[in-house]
Amino acid sequence: MTVAASPRALQRKLKEHFGFRKFRPGQLEAVQAALDERDTLIIMPTGSGKSLCFQLPALEMPGTTIVVSPLIALMKDQADALAERGIPAVVVNSTLPAADRPQVLADILAEKYDFVYTTPEQLARPDLRELLANLKVDLFVVDEAHCVSQWGHDFRPDYLALGQAVDAIAERPPVLALTATATEDVVEDILSRLGIPDADVVHTGFYRPNLTLVVRHAEGDAAKRERLLALLNESEGTGIVYAATVKVVDELAGFLADWGLPVAAYHGRMTPKKRAEAQDRFMAGGVKAMVATNAFGLGIDKPDIRFVVHYHLPGTVEAFYQEFGRAGRDGVPATGVLLYDPADQKLQRFFGTGRYPDEADLVNSYHAVSRLADNPDPPTLAEVQAISPVPKAKLKVCLDLLAARGVLRPEAGNRYKVVRRGLDRDQIAREGRAYRDRADRDATKLARLVEYAEGKGCRWRHVLGYFGDDSLPAGRCGHCDGC
């Protein structure tokens, strides 16, 4: 049911529910699209208030809002923030104890919650799919929507099934997809994968005028460390230093600590307790810098980060933009610095080796699932894995790719039904061509970032040009080391 509301009435609701006096750019347009029950893709920079674009209209619409996100920490923070405002919200993800799950799902079905935060993996489970079929859903929200695109910088195969999850809902709700980074081909892929080809697109641009972009050339670790130490001593406030490997993160954290700088380290090989302790120190402003791999930062709600330093060249402009964009979310001037050593290109090329399934992986995956095709029930991922030589993570990517190509069909319970039987090696290889294309595109993306690092012109102009954004005034920003 479409909800009519004037801009003035929505502004009153904004103040009532969230305490803000006025909307940020793009928010009112997105809120009105949701209230009009129009599918919408929202592209806004990090820290520009994307969550309000679905939270405010959801409070004005009858039913439950489903929010899909890959970020467990972020969904808990958002659910807790809503609960503090007296708005009932619940999180359904891997942290939910099995003993509590039946009651939580029963409460959702009884419409005791306005918001349900969950993950793509959870939406593939039969009990949640069955619940959706019987639930009045007012909005279906896909956060970090670039994860659905095979051309996106953070492709997650589990996102491919979200279109089917929407179809499982008895009365199809409007879909709101949100992302901070999307090139034109990623936008097209998102709309196609989610089944919303005619969606409105609310795009506020990628330019962040309070962020100064700088490249510092330094060849070799000794020169880089000297540059980094000087940068941190010169910089005010707290920031993040990104490094590409766990080894370098630990070494840099030790080096900076030896020079008397209070720093913390964060990477995926630390225990959850150690990571949580490091994050708490960072959030409280107790460190000069968090030295981290790219495992850190997603969902971190700290608006006063004053600098982000990349010790290594990232793999893509998208990842670079999202990471340096974590600085200055409060609108106060901040800086994004790249320490550039041409040798870093070799490191990114090494990361790219073996990242995607090859022809043998696809063939082995298809043959394994086909061997189980005549079982009473379609096989689960675990059952296919038991007879496949392909590692679990890569097997999952292969099966989801084959599903996206219509060779398999995902079914409830993380099962895969073979739709096209008897394919030979050449036919399977053709289905995997997208991944060969993706590897080629990755090489092109790395080349664009090298151009950014080695170029002499406006840094912001280069970044915005990559995204097809020509909104920069006079073609230059005036606050980068190239202007």
Protein backbone atom coordinates (compact mmCIF):
# COMPACT_ATOMS: atom_id res chain seq x y z
CA MET A 1 0.00 0.00 0.00
CA THR A 2 1.49 3.32 -1.11
CA VAL A 3 1.95 5.77 1.77
CA ALA A 4 1.39 9.43 0.90
CA ALA A 5 3.57 11.95 2.73
CA SER A 6 4.65 15.48 1.87
CA PRO A 7 8.31 16.54 2.16
CA ARG A 8 7.37 18.70 5.15
CA ALA A 9 5.65 15.77 6.88
CA LEU A 10 8.67 13.55 6.22
CA GLN A 11 10.96 16.20 7.68
CA ARG A 12 8.86 16.15 10.86
CA LYS A 13 9.17 12.35 10.95
CA LEU A 14 12.92 12.69 10.45
CA LYS A 15 13.15 14.92 13.53
CA GLU A 16 10.76 12.71 15.53
CA HIS A 17 12.48 9.39 14.88
CA PHE A 18 16.14 10.32 14.35
CA GLY A 19 16.62 13.83 15.73
CA PHE A 20 17.81 15.37 12.44
CA ARG A 21 16.45 18.69 11.20
CA LYS A 22 16.99 18.16 7.49
CA PHE A 23 17.72 15.47 4.95
CA ARG A 24 21.13 14.97 3.38
CA PRO A 25 21.41 15.00 -0.44
CA GLY A 26 19.49 12.13 -2.01
CA GLN A 27 17.81 10.93 1.18
CA LEU A 28 14.40 12.54 0.62
CA GLU A 29 14.28 11.25 -2.97
CA ALA A 30 15.10 7.71 -1.79
CA VAL A 31 12.57 7.83 1.06
CA GLN A 32 9.79 8.99 -1.27
CA ALA A 33 10.64 6.24 -3.79
CA ALA A 34 10.28 3.64 -1.03
CA LEU A 35 6.97 5.09 0.17
CA ASP A 36 5.73 5.00 -3.44
CA GLU A 37 6.71 1.29 -3.51
CA ARG A 38 9.23 1.76 -6.32
CA ASP A 39 12.25 -0.49 -6.63
CA THR A 40 15.29 1.74 -6.07
CA LEU A 41 19.08 1.53 -6.26
CA ILE A 42 20.75 4.05 -3.95
CA ILE A 43 24.39 5.00 -4.60
CA MET A 44 25.82 7.25 -1.90
CA PRO A 45 29.33 7.69 -0.48
CA THR A 46 30.32 6.06 2.79
CA GLY A 47 28.93 8.03 5.72
CA SER A 48 26.23 9.84 3.78
CA GLY A 49 23.30 8.24 5.62
CA LYS A 50 22.20 5.35 3.40
CA SER A 51 20.55 3.45 6.26
CA LEU A 52 18.10 6.27 6.91
CA CYS A 53 16.86 5.86 3.32
CA PHE A 54 15.13 2.63 4.32
CA GLN A 55 14.67 3.06 8.07
CA LEU A 56 12.46 6.16 7.84
CA PRO A 57 10.03 4.89 5.17
CA ALA A 58 9.85 1.50 6.86
CA LEU A 59 8.51 3.13 10.00
CA GLU A 60 5.68 4.66 7.96
CA MET A 61 4.71 1.46 6.12
CA PRO A 62 2.72 -1.51 7.45
CA GLY A 63 4.70 -4.73 7.69
CA THR A 64 8.21 -5.95 8.44
CA THR A 65 11.38 -4.71 6.76
CA ILE A 66 13.97 -7.32 5.77
CA VAL A 67 17.53 -5.98 5.67
CA VAL A 68 20.18 -8.18 4.05
CA SER A 69 23.82 -7.43 4.84
CA PRO A 70 27.13 -9.31 4.86
CA LEU A 71 28.30 -7.29 7.85
CA ILE A 72 27.38 -9.03 11.11
CA ALA A 73 28.88 -6.31 13.31
CA LEU A 74 27.08 -3.54 11.42
CA MET A 75 23.67 -5.20 11.57
CA LYS A 76 24.00 -5.63 15.32
CA ASP A 77 24.95 -1.97 15.72
CA GLN A 78 21.99 -0.82 13.61
CA ALA A 79 19.54 -3.13 15.40
CA ASP A 80 20.80 -1.94 18.79
CA ALA A 81 20.51 1.72 17.71
CA LEU A 82 16.90 1.17 16.61
CA ALA A 83 16.09 -0.63 19.87
CA GLU A 84 17.46 2.33 21.84
CA ARG A 85 14.90 4.51 20.03
CA GLY A 86 12.14 2.10 21.00
CA ILE A 87 11.93 0.53 17.52
CA PRO A 88 11.81 -3.29 17.70
CA ALA A 89 14.53 -4.93 15.60
CA VAL A 90 16.13 -8.38 15.60
CA VAL A 91 19.23 -9.97 14.07
CA VAL A 92 19.07 -13.43 12.47
CA ASN A 93 22.55 -14.62 11.59
CA SER A 94 25.16 -17.17 12.65
CA THR A 95 25.43 -15.60 16.11
CA LEU A 96 21.81 -16.52 16.97
CA PRO A 97 21.87 -19.55 19.31
CA ALA A 98 20.10 -22.57 17.80
CA ALA A 99 17.95 -22.93 20.93
CA ASP A 100 16.62 -19.38 20.49
CA ARG A 101 15.94 -19.58 16.76
CA PRO A 102 12.40 -21.12 16.80
CA GLN A 103 11.10 -18.47 19.21
CA VAL A 104 12.74 -15.62 17.31
CA LEU A 105 11.21 -16.81 14.01
CA ALA A 106 7.82 -17.18 15.71
CA ASP A 107 8.07 -13.61 17.01
CA ILE A 108 8.97 -12.37 13.51
CA LEU A 109 5.93 -14.14 12.06
CA ALA A 110 3.79 -12.57 14.80
CA GLU A 111 5.06 -9.16 13.55
CA LYS A 112 6.74 -8.26 16.83
CA TYR A 113 9.66 -6.68 14.99
CA ASP A 114 9.70 -3.77 12.54
CA PHE A 115 13.16 -4.71 11.23
CA VAL A 116 14.79 -8.09 10.63
CA TYR A 117 18.52 -7.96 9.85
CA THR A 118 19.91 -11.08 8.23
CA THR A 119 22.47 -12.47 5.77
CA PRO A 120 22.18 -14.05 2.31
CA GLU A 121 23.26 -17.39 3.81
CA GLN A 122 20.38 -17.27 6.30
CA LEU A 123 17.86 -16.49 3.57
CA ALA A 124 18.82 -19.76 1.86
CA ARG A 125 17.66 -21.76 4.91
CA PRO A 126 14.25 -23.48 4.56
CA ASP A 127 12.79 -22.14 7.83
CA LEU A 128 13.45 -18.51 6.90
CA ARG A 129 12.22 -19.00 3.33
CA GLU A 130 8.99 -20.53 4.67
CA LEU A 131 8.61 -17.61 7.07
CA LEU A 132 8.97 -15.09 4.23
CA ALA A 133 6.21 -16.84 2.30
CA ASN A 134 3.83 -16.07 5.18
CA LEU A 135 5.07 -12.65 6.29
CA LYS A 136 3.86 -9.19 5.32
CA VAL A 137 7.08 -7.53 4.13
CA ASP A 138 6.98 -3.79 3.44
CA LEU A 139 10.58 -3.39 2.14
CA PHE A 140 13.32 -5.79 1.08
CA VAL A 141 16.65 -4.01 1.57
CA VAL A 142 19.96 -5.20 0.10
CA ASP A 143 22.91 -3.46 1.73
CA GLU A 144 26.37 -3.56 0.10
CA ALA A 145 24.53 -4.35 -3.14
CA HIS A 146 27.73 -4.40 -5.21
CA CYS A 147 28.32 -7.85 -3.67
CA VAL A 148 25.67 -9.24 -6.04
CA SER A 149 27.64 -8.26 -9.14
CA GLN A 150 30.29 -10.49 -10.65
CA TRP A 151 31.94 -7.26 -11.84
CA GLY A 152 31.92 -5.71 -8.37
CA HIS A 153 35.05 -5.50 -6.23
CA ASP A 154 33.58 -7.64 -3.46
CA PHE A 155 31.52 -10.28 -5.31
CA ARG A 156 29.81 -12.76 -2.97
CA PRO A 157 28.09 -15.71 -4.68
CA ASP A 158 25.53 -16.05 -1.85
CA TYR A 159 24.04 -12.75 -3.05
CA LEU A 160 23.01 -14.41 -6.33
CA ALA A 161 20.05 -16.08 -4.63
CA LEU A 162 18.52 -12.84 -3.29
CA GLY A 163 16.27 -12.43 -6.32
CA GLN A 164 14.78 -15.83 -5.51
CA ALA A 165 14.32 -14.82 -1.87
CA VAL A 166 12.26 -11.82 -2.98
CA ASP A 167 10.16 -14.07 -5.21
CA ALA A 168 9.47 -16.34 -2.21
CA ILE A 169 7.57 -13.54 -0.45
CA ALA A 170 3.81 -13.90 -0.93
CA GLU A 171 3.23 -10.22 -1.77
CA ARG A 172 6.34 -8.95 -3.51
CA PRO A 173 7.67 -5.86 -1.67
CA PRO A 174 9.68 -3.02 -3.24
CA VAL A 175 13.42 -3.69 -3.28
CA LEU A 176 15.90 -1.06 -2.06
CA ALA A 177 19.52 -1.78 -2.95
CA LEU A 178 22.29 0.32 -1.42
CA THR A 179 25.99 0.71 -2.22
CA ALA A 180 28.77 3.27 -1.95
CA THR A 181 30.64 2.14 -5.07
CA ALA A 182 29.31 1.05 -8.45
CA THR A 183 30.55 1.57 -11.99
CA GLU A 184 28.02 1.59 -14.83
CA ASP A 185 28.44 -2.12 -15.59
CA VAL A 186 28.06 -2.97 -11.88
CA VAL A 187 24.84 -0.94 -11.74
CA GLU A 188 23.42 -2.89 -14.70
CA ASP A 189 24.46 -6.18 -13.11
CA ILE A 190 22.86 -5.31 -9.75
CA LEU A 191 19.55 -4.41 -11.38
CA SER A 192 19.58 -7.61 -13.43
CA ARG A 193 20.60 -9.98 -10.62
CA LEU A 194 18.02 -8.59 -8.19
CA GLY A 195 15.26 -8.68 -10.80
CA ILE A 196 14.63 -4.92 -10.68
CA PRO A 197 15.54 -3.78 -14.23
CA ASP A 198 13.25 -0.74 -14.11
CA ALA A 199 14.34 0.50 -10.69
CA ASP A 200 14.85 4.17 -9.93
CA VAL A 201 18.49 5.09 -9.37
CA VAL A 202 19.30 7.70 -6.72
CA HIS A 203 22.93 8.72 -7.24
CA THR A 204 24.44 11.58 -5.24
CA GLY A 205 27.90 11.33 -6.81
CA PHE A 206 31.23 10.12 -5.48
CA TYR A 207 32.97 13.41 -4.74
CA ARG A 208 33.93 14.13 -1.11
CA PRO A 209 35.17 17.75 -0.97
CA ASN A 210 36.48 17.44 2.60
CA LEU A 211 38.92 14.66 1.62
CA THR A 212 42.39 15.59 0.38
CA LEU A 213 44.06 12.91 -1.75
CA VAL A 214 47.84 12.53 -1.75
CA VAL A 215 50.36 10.10 -3.29
CA ARG A 216 53.81 9.75 -1.75
CA HIS A 217 56.40 7.81 -3.75
CA ALA A 218 58.68 5.55 -1.72
CA GLU A 219 60.60 2.55 -3.02
CA GLY A 220 61.43 -0.22 -0.58
CA ASP A 221 60.28 -0.88 2.98
CA ALA A 222 62.87 1.38 4.62
CA ALA A 223 61.72 4.42 2.64
CA LYS A 224 58.07 3.54 3.14
CA ARG A 225 58.44 3.18 6.88
CA GLU A 226 60.22 6.53 7.09
CA ARG A 227 57.39 8.16 5.12
CA LEU A 228 54.74 6.47 7.26
CA LEU A 229 56.36 7.50 10.53
CA ALA A 230 56.58 11.10 9.35
CA LEU A 231 52.95 11.07 8.20
CA LEU A 232 51.66 9.81 11.53
CA ASN A 233 53.74 12.30 13.49
CA GLU A 234 52.45 15.16 11.32
CA SER A 235 48.78 14.07 11.33
CA GLU A 236 46.22 15.09 13.89
CA GLY A 237 43.65 12.71 15.30
CA THR A 238 43.19 8.99 14.71
CA GLY A 239 43.42 7.07 11.45
CA ILE A 240 43.85 3.75 9.69
CA VAL A 241 46.94 2.30 8.00
CA TYR A 242 46.06 -0.43 5.49
CA ALA A 243 48.62 -3.08 4.54
CA ALA A 244 48.09 -5.98 2.15
CA THR A 245 49.33 -8.87 4.29
CA VAL A 246 49.08 -10.09 7.86
CA LYS A 247 52.87 -10.24 8.12
CA VAL A 248 53.32 -6.59 7.19
CA VAL A 249 50.51 -5.50 9.55
CA ASP A 250 52.26 -7.13 12.51
CA GLU A 251 55.66 -5.75 11.45
CA LEU A 252 54.38 -2.19 10.98
CA ALA A 253 52.50 -2.22 14.28
CA GLY A 254 55.70 -3.30 16.03
CA PHE A 255 57.79 -0.70 14.19
CA LEU A 256 55.45 2.18 15.06
CA ALA A 257 55.15 1.03 18.68
CA ASP A 258 58.95 0.98 18.95
CA TRP A 259 58.91 4.67 17.96
CA GLY A 260 56.49 5.40 20.80
CA LEU A 261 53.28 5.67 18.79
CA PRO A 262 50.18 4.10 20.36
CA VAL A 263 48.85 1.76 17.66
CA ALA A 264 46.73 -1.38 17.41
CA ALA A 265 46.79 -4.21 14.87
CA TYR A 266 43.82 -5.94 13.24
CA HIS A 267 43.68 -8.89 10.84
CA GLY A 268 41.80 -12.14 10.27
CA ARG A 269 44.35 -14.38 11.97
CA MET A 270 43.85 -12.71 15.36
CA THR A 271 41.41 -14.28 17.79
CA PRO A 272 37.94 -12.69 17.91
CA LYS A 273 38.74 -11.44 21.43
CA LYS A 274 41.96 -9.74 20.30
CA ARG A 275 40.21 -8.15 17.29
CA ALA A 276 37.40 -6.87 19.51
CA GLU A 277 39.89 -5.40 21.99
CA ALA A 278 41.79 -3.64 19.19
CA GLN A 279 38.56 -2.28 17.70
CA ASP A 280 37.36 -1.02 21.08
CA ARG A 281 40.64 0.88 21.60
CA PHE A 282 40.33 2.41 18.14
CA MET A 283 36.69 3.42 18.61
CA ALA A 284 37.51 5.03 21.96
CA GLY A 285 40.30 7.09 20.39
CA GLY A 286 42.93 5.30 22.42
CA VAL A 287 45.33 4.76 19.52
CA LYS A 288 46.98 6.97 16.94
CA ALA A 289 46.31 4.44 14.20
CA MET A 290 44.81 1.05 13.51
CA VAL A 291 47.24 -0.93 11.36
CA ALA A 292 45.09 -3.44 9.50
CA THR A 293 44.36 -5.57 6.49
CA ASN A 294 41.20 -4.84 4.55
CA ALA A 295 39.38 -7.11 7.03
CA PHE A 296 38.96 -3.94 9.12
CA GLY A 297 36.62 -1.08 8.39
CA LEU A 298 33.38 -2.50 7.00
CA GLY A 299 30.60 -1.35 9.28
CA ILE A 300 32.88 0.69 11.54
CA ASP A 301 30.84 3.70 12.64
CA LYS A 302 33.55 6.21 13.59
CA PRO A 303 32.92 9.57 11.89
CA ASP A 304 36.08 11.37 13.09
CA ILE A 305 38.79 9.33 11.34
CA ARG A 306 41.25 11.99 10.19
CA PHE A 307 43.47 10.00 7.84
CA VAL A 308 43.67 6.73 5.94
CA VAL A 309 47.07 5.58 4.67
CA HIS A 310 47.53 2.78 2.15
CA TYR A 311 50.94 1.22 2.73
CA HIS A 312 50.43 -1.01 -0.33
CA LEU A 313 48.66 -0.41 -3.61
CA PRO A 314 45.08 -1.78 -3.35
CA GLY A 315 43.74 -4.04 -6.10
CA THR A 316 40.96 -1.80 -7.47
CA VAL A 317 39.81 1.80 -7.52
CA GLU A 318 36.54 0.65 -5.89
CA ALA A 319 38.33 -0.86 -2.88
CA PHE A 320 40.63 2.17 -2.66
CA TYR A 321 37.67 4.59 -2.73
CA GLN A 322 35.73 2.65 -0.12
CA GLU A 323 38.73 2.45 2.21
CA PHE A 324 39.97 6.04 2.03
CA GLY A 325 36.30 7.08 2.20
CA ARG A 326 36.24 5.95 5.83
CA ALA A 327 38.04 9.17 6.70
CA GLY A 328 36.21 12.41 7.37
CA ARG A 329 32.67 11.07 7.61
CA ASP A 330 31.93 13.97 9.97
CA GLY A 331 32.51 16.43 7.12
CA VAL A 332 35.67 17.83 8.71
CA PRO A 333 38.82 17.87 6.54
CA ALA A 334 40.65 14.55 6.35
CA THR A 335 43.32 12.95 4.18
CA GLY A 336 43.76 9.81 2.09
CA VAL A 337 47.42 8.96 1.41
CA LEU A 338 48.82 6.28 -0.89
CA LEU A 339 52.45 5.26 -0.30
CA TYR A 340 53.35 4.10 -3.77
CA ASP A 341 56.08 1.66 -4.67
CA PRO A 342 55.84 0.30 -8.26
CA ALA A 343 56.90 -3.11 -6.90
CA ASP A 344 53.52 -3.36 -5.12
CA GLN A 345 51.93 -4.26 -8.45
CA LYS A 346 53.61 -7.66 -8.21
CA LEU A 347 51.91 -8.27 -4.86
CA GLN A 348 48.44 -7.57 -6.29
CA ARG A 349 49.13 -9.79 -9.30
CA PHE A 350 50.14 -12.56 -6.91
CA PHE A 351 46.84 -12.16 -5.04
CA GLY A 352 45.03 -12.46 -8.35
CA THR A 353 46.64 -15.81 -9.19
CA GLY A 354 44.18 -18.60 -8.51
CA ARG A 355 41.49 -16.23 -7.22
CA TYR A 356 38.87 -17.49 -9.64
CA PRO A 357 37.83 -21.01 -10.65
CA ASP A 358 39.48 -22.36 -13.78
CA GLU A 359 38.05 -24.74 -16.35
CA ALA A 360 39.12 -27.82 -14.37
CA ASP A 361 37.40 -26.51 -11.21
CA LEU A 362 34.12 -25.96 -13.07
CA VAL A 363 34.24 -29.34 -14.79
CA ASN A 364 35.00 -31.19 -11.55
CA SER A 365 32.25 -29.31 -9.71
CA TYR A 366 29.68 -30.06 -12.41
CA HIS A 367 30.62 -33.73 -12.56
CA ALA A 368 30.42 -34.08 -8.77
CA VAL A 369 26.95 -32.55 -8.48
CA SER A 370 25.78 -34.56 -11.53
CA ARG A 371 26.81 -37.83 -9.87
CA LEU A 372 24.29 -37.06 -7.12
CA ALA A 373 21.55 -35.75 -9.41
CA ASP A 374 19.42 -38.90 -9.18
CA ASN A 375 19.30 -38.95 -5.39
CA PRO A 376 15.82 -38.56 -3.84
CA ASP A 377 16.69 -34.96 -2.89
CA PRO A 378 19.05 -32.58 -4.67
CA PRO A 379 22.50 -32.71 -3.03
CA THR A 380 23.70 -30.19 -0.49
CA LEU A 381 26.99 -28.34 -0.75
CA ALA A 382 28.44 -30.64 1.93
CA GLU A 383 27.38 -33.75 -0.02
CA VAL A 384 28.95 -32.46 -3.23
CA GLN A 385 32.09 -31.47 -1.38
CA ALA A 386 32.48 -35.01 0.00
CA ILE A 387 33.07 -36.38 -3.53
CA SER A 388 34.71 -33.36 -5.17
CA PRO A 389 38.45 -32.56 -5.37
CA VAL A 390 37.67 -28.83 -5.46
CA PRO A 391 38.21 -26.92 -2.16
CA LYS A 392 35.00 -25.92 -0.39
CA ALA A 393 35.19 -22.15 -0.96
CA LYS A 394 35.98 -22.51 -4.65
CA LEU A 395 33.38 -25.29 -5.04
CA LYS A 396 30.73 -22.93 -3.68
CA VAL A 397 31.76 -20.27 -6.21
CA CYS A 398 31.62 -22.84 -9.04
CA LEU A 399 28.17 -24.14 -8.08
CA ASP A 400 26.78 -20.62 -7.72
CA LEU A 401 28.27 -19.61 -11.07
CA LEU A 402 26.65 -22.64 -12.72
CA ALA A 403 23.39 -21.71 -10.99
CA ALA A 404 23.64 -18.15 -12.29
CA ARG A 405 24.06 -19.59 -15.80
CA GLY A 406 20.96 -21.80 -15.44
CA VAL A 407 22.94 -25.06 -15.35
CA LEU A 408 21.91 -25.67 -11.73
CA ARG A 409 19.03 -24.37 -9.65
CA PRO A 410 19.55 -23.47 -5.97
CA GLU A 411 16.90 -24.96 -3.73
CA ALA A 412 16.00 -24.67 -0.06
CA GLY A 413 18.52 -26.09 2.37
CA ASN A 414 21.57 -25.04 0.36
CA ARG A 415 20.83 -27.72 -2.25
CA TYR A 416 21.59 -27.73 -5.97
CA LYS A 417 19.34 -29.32 -8.59
CA VAL A 418 20.91 -30.15 -11.97
CA VAL A 419 18.79 -28.51 -14.66
CA ARG A 420 21.01 -29.09 -17.69
CA ARG A 421 22.37 -32.61 -17.70
CA GLY A 422 25.04 -34.22 -19.82
CA LEU A 423 27.12 -31.12 -20.61
CA ASP A 424 30.56 -31.86 -22.02
CA ARG A 425 33.81 -30.13 -21.07
CA ASP A 426 33.59 -27.47 -23.78
CA GLN A 427 30.02 -26.55 -22.84
CA ILE A 428 30.97 -26.19 -19.17
CA ALA A 429 34.02 -24.10 -20.09
CA ARG A 430 31.81 -21.70 -22.04
CA GLU A 431 29.69 -21.19 -18.95
CA GLY A 432 32.82 -20.20 -17.05
CA ARG A 433 33.92 -17.58 -19.53
CA ALA A 434 32.58 -14.87 -17.22
CA TYR A 435 35.33 -15.63 -14.73
CA ARG A 436 38.02 -15.38 -17.37
CA ASP A 437 36.51 -12.02 -18.31
CA ARG A 438 36.54 -11.06 -14.65
CA ALA A 439 40.25 -11.86 -14.32
CA ASP A 440 40.93 -9.65 -17.35
CA ARG A 441 38.88 -6.85 -15.81
CA ASP A 442 40.80 -7.16 -12.55
CA ALA A 443 44.03 -6.58 -14.46
CA THR A 444 42.47 -3.50 -16.07
CA LYS A 445 41.30 -2.20 -12.69
CA LEU A 446 44.78 -2.55 -11.25
CA ALA A 447 46.17 -0.66 -14.25
CA ARG A 448 43.73 2.22 -13.57
CA LEU A 449 44.98 2.46 -10.00
CA VAL A 450 48.58 2.50 -11.21
CA GLU A 451 47.62 5.40 -13.51
CA TYR A 452 46.21 7.19 -10.45
CA ALA A 453 49.45 6.67 -8.53
CA GLU A 454 51.79 7.65 -11.36
CA GLY A 455 49.69 10.41 -12.91
CA LYS A 456 50.35 14.12 -12.51
CA GLY A 457 46.84 15.57 -12.74
CA CYS A 458 43.98 15.99 -10.29
CA ARG A 459 43.62 12.86 -8.13
CA TRP A 460 39.89 13.34 -7.58
CA ARG A 461 39.33 13.80 -11.30
CA HIS A 462 40.95 10.42 -11.92
CA VAL A 463 38.84 8.65 -9.27
CA LEU A 464 35.58 10.25 -10.40
CA GLY A 465 36.36 9.55 -14.06
CA TYR A 466 36.68 5.86 -13.27
CA PHE A 467 33.12 5.86 -11.93
CA GLY A 468 31.80 7.94 -14.83
CA ASP A 469 31.17 10.91 -12.54
CA ASP A 470 31.80 14.27 -14.23
CA SER A 471 30.47 16.44 -11.41
CA LEU A 472 33.83 17.90 -10.34
CA PRO A 473 33.67 21.71 -10.51
CA ALA A 474 35.99 23.08 -13.22
CA GLY A 475 37.45 19.62 -13.71
CA ARG A 476 39.74 19.93 -10.68
CA CYS A 477 39.31 19.66 -6.94
CA GLY A 478 41.88 22.13 -5.61
CA HIS A 479 42.71 19.93 -2.61
CA CYS A 480 44.93 17.10 -3.82
CA ASP A 481 48.65 17.02 -4.49
CA GLY A 482 47.94 17.08 -8.23
CA CYS A 483 46.13 20.42 -8.23
